[in-house]
Amino acid sequence: MKTILISDRRAKTNKDYTGVLTRDSREHFSFVETHPATAKRNPQLFKGRFITITRWADGSLHPNFRPMPTNISVEHYALEVYRELIGALKGLVEKI
């Protein structure tokens, strides 16, 4: 992967970079860092109907509940939160 960074000469470990990832060819990617319009303290990595997931400065992921709809049962709500959490984490967490 080729990286073009504005803030650092080389990518630093555990530092988040905002930018655009492009697939140049079948096995080659490029990442170009961009300046965010406004810097967010804890950027949202996932925003669903029932939960959001943010990344804190230390790199840890934090799921957060969104306001609970009043027109569904508690069981249905819990099931939908579970489905969103599983789907979101599959894309964010590396397999151990």
C-alpha atoms as a PDB file:
ATOM      1  CA  MET A   1       0.000   0.000   0.000  1.00  0.00           C
ATOM      2  CA  LYS A   2       1.272   3.418  -0.942  1.00  0.00           C
ATOM      3  CA  THR A   3       0.579   6.192   1.596  1.00  0.00           C
ATOM      4  CA  ILE A   4       0.641   9.921   0.970  1.00  0.00           C
ATOM      5  CA  LEU A   5       0.511  11.712   4.316  1.00  0.00           C
ATOM      6  CA  ILE A   6       0.288  15.408   5.141  1.00  0.00           C
ATOM      7  CA  SER A   7       0.841  15.368   8.901  1.00  0.00           C
ATOM      8  CA  ASP A   8       3.718  12.853   9.137  1.00  0.00           C
ATOM      9  CA  ARG A   9       6.525  11.663   6.896  1.00  0.00           C
ATOM     10  CA  ARG A  10       5.807   8.032   7.835  1.00  0.00           C
ATOM     11  CA  ALA A  11       2.666   6.521   9.344  1.00  0.00           C
ATOM     12  CA  LYS A  12       2.876   6.257  13.133  1.00  0.00           C
ATOM     13  CA  THR A  13       1.689   3.238  15.110  1.00  0.00           C
ATOM     14  CA  ASN A  14      -1.796   3.623  16.686  1.00  0.00           C
ATOM     15  CA  LYS A  15      -2.410   7.016  15.082  1.00  0.00           C
ATOM     16  CA  ASP A  16      -5.607   7.530  13.079  1.00  0.00           C
ATOM     17  CA  TYR A  17      -5.377   9.227   9.704  1.00  0.00           C
ATOM     18  CA  THR A  18      -8.309  10.720   7.790  1.00  0.00           C
ATOM     19  CA  GLY A  19      -8.209  10.249   4.059  1.00  0.00           C
ATOM     20  CA  VAL A  20      -9.217   8.339   0.974  1.00  0.00           C
ATOM     21  CA  LEU A  21      -8.301   4.726   0.262  1.00  0.00           C
ATOM     22  CA  THR A  22      -8.191   3.828  -3.447  1.00  0.00           C
ATOM     23  CA  ARG A  23      -7.700   0.467  -5.099  1.00  0.00           C
ATOM     24  CA  ASP A  24      -5.230   1.183  -7.914  1.00  0.00           C
ATOM     25  CA  SER A  25      -5.056  -2.341  -9.255  1.00  0.00           C
ATOM     26  CA  ARG A  26      -5.973  -5.860  -8.211  1.00  0.00           C
ATOM     27  CA  GLU A  27      -3.369  -6.025  -5.442  1.00  0.00           C
ATOM     28  CA  HIS A  28      -2.328  -2.403  -4.918  1.00  0.00           C
ATOM     29  CA  PHE A  29      -3.934   0.318  -2.811  1.00  0.00           C
ATOM     30  CA  SER A  30      -3.150   3.991  -2.202  1.00  0.00           C
ATOM     31  CA  PHE A  31      -4.099   6.057   0.837  1.00  0.00           C
ATOM     32  CA  VAL A  32      -4.109   9.857   0.558  1.00  0.00           C
ATOM     33  CA  GLU A  33      -4.471  11.775   3.817  1.00  0.00           C
ATOM     34  CA  THR A  34      -6.874  14.715   3.806  1.00  0.00           C
ATOM     35  CA  HIS A  35      -7.452  17.490   6.296  1.00  0.00           C
ATOM     36  CA  PRO A  36     -10.796  17.026   8.035  1.00  0.00           C
ATOM     37  CA  ALA A  37     -13.177  19.977   7.905  1.00  0.00           C
ATOM     38  CA  THR A  38     -13.463  19.766  11.687  1.00  0.00           C
ATOM     39  CA  ALA A  39     -11.450  17.443  13.867  1.00  0.00           C
ATOM     40  CA  LYS A  40     -13.614  15.129  15.950  1.00  0.00           C
ATOM     41  CA  ARG A  41     -12.516  14.085  19.388  1.00  0.00           C
ATOM     42  CA  ASN A  42     -13.862  10.532  19.086  1.00  0.00           C
ATOM     43  CA  PRO A  43     -14.690   9.779  15.439  1.00  0.00           C
ATOM     44  CA  GLN A  44     -17.657   7.546  14.674  1.00  0.00           C
ATOM     45  CA  LEU A  45     -16.614   4.388  12.848  1.00  0.00           C
ATOM     46  CA  PHE A  46     -20.132   2.967  12.608  1.00  0.00           C
ATOM     47  CA  LYS A  47     -23.507   4.685  12.789  1.00  0.00           C
ATOM     48  CA  GLY A  48     -26.477   2.360  12.761  1.00  0.00           C
ATOM     49  CA  ARG A  49     -30.129   2.663  13.666  1.00  0.00           C
ATOM     50  CA  PHE A  50     -29.633   1.378  17.223  1.00  0.00           C
ATOM     51  CA  ILE A  51     -25.918   1.839  18.045  1.00  0.00           C
ATOM     52  CA  THR A  52     -22.842   3.844  17.098  1.00  0.00           C
ATOM     53  CA  ILE A  53     -19.218   2.801  17.564  1.00  0.00           C
ATOM     54  CA  THR A  54     -16.526   5.388  18.253  1.00  0.00           C
ATOM     55  CA  ARG A  55     -12.744   5.078  18.457  1.00  0.00           C
ATOM     56  CA  TRP A  56     -11.127   6.818  21.417  1.00  0.00           C
ATOM     57  CA  ALA A  57      -7.682   8.428  21.311  1.00  0.00           C
ATOM     58  CA  ASP A  58      -6.110   5.288  22.827  1.00  0.00           C
ATOM     59  CA  GLY A  59      -7.425   3.219  19.885  1.00  0.00           C
ATOM     60  CA  SER A  60     -10.136   1.376  21.817  1.00  0.00           C
ATOM     61  CA  LEU A  61     -13.626   0.901  20.348  1.00  0.00           C
ATOM     62  CA  HIS A  62     -16.679   2.055  22.317  1.00  0.00           C
ATOM     63  CA  PRO A  63     -20.220   1.012  21.375  1.00  0.00           C
ATOM     64  CA  ASN A  64     -22.907   3.562  22.275  1.00  0.00           C
ATOM     65  CA  PHE A  65     -26.674   3.145  22.316  1.00  0.00           C
ATOM     66  CA  ARG A  66     -28.787   5.493  20.229  1.00  0.00           C
ATOM     67  CA  PRO A  67     -32.205   6.561  21.557  1.00  0.00           C
ATOM     68  CA  MET A  68     -34.513   3.551  21.882  1.00  0.00           C
ATOM     69  CA  PRO A  69     -37.563   3.617  19.608  1.00  0.00           C
ATOM     70  CA  THR A  70     -40.828   3.395  21.532  1.00  0.00           C
ATOM     71  CA  ASN A  71     -42.726   1.446  18.879  1.00  0.00           C
ATOM     72  CA  ILE A  72     -40.914  -1.934  19.242  1.00  0.00           C
ATOM     73  CA  SER A  73     -40.754  -4.560  21.971  1.00  0.00           C
ATOM     74  CA  VAL A  74     -37.783  -4.876  24.287  1.00  0.00           C
ATOM     75  CA  GLU A  75     -36.981  -8.313  22.818  1.00  0.00           C
ATOM     76  CA  HIS A  76     -37.000  -6.965  19.236  1.00  0.00           C
ATOM     77  CA  TYR A  77     -34.852  -4.003  20.274  1.00  0.00           C
ATOM     78  CA  ALA A  78     -32.282  -6.263  21.979  1.00  0.00           C
ATOM     79  CA  LEU A  79     -32.145  -8.525  18.908  1.00  0.00           C
ATOM     80  CA  GLU A  80     -31.617  -5.575  16.547  1.00  0.00           C
ATOM     81  CA  VAL A  81     -28.854  -4.138  18.769  1.00  0.00           C
ATOM     82  CA  TYR A  82     -27.170  -7.559  18.735  1.00  0.00           C
ATOM     83  CA  ARG A  83     -27.389  -7.792  14.930  1.00  0.00           C
ATOM     84  CA  GLU A  84     -25.943  -4.302  14.428  1.00  0.00           C
ATOM     85  CA  LEU A  85     -23.151  -4.902  16.939  1.00  0.00           C
ATOM     86  CA  ILE A  86     -22.108  -8.191  15.312  1.00  0.00           C
ATOM     87  CA  GLY A  87     -22.215  -6.693  11.826  1.00  0.00           C
ATOM     88  CA  ALA A  88     -20.258  -3.586  12.806  1.00  0.00           C
ATOM     89  CA  LEU A  89     -17.566  -5.426  14.757  1.00  0.00           C
ATOM     90  CA  LYS A  90     -16.967  -7.958  11.969  1.00  0.00           C
ATOM     91  CA  GLY A  91     -15.698  -5.118   9.842  1.00  0.00           C
ATOM     92  CA  LEU A  92     -13.771  -3.300  12.584  1.00  0.00           C
ATOM     93  CA  VAL A  93     -12.058  -5.979  14.675  1.00  0.00           C
ATOM     94  CA  GLU A  94      -9.261  -8.194  13.366  1.00  0.00           C
ATOM     95  CA  LYS A  95      -9.550 -11.921  13.951  1.00  0.00           C
ATOM     96  CA  ILE A  96      -7.247 -13.190  16.709  1.00  0.00           C
END
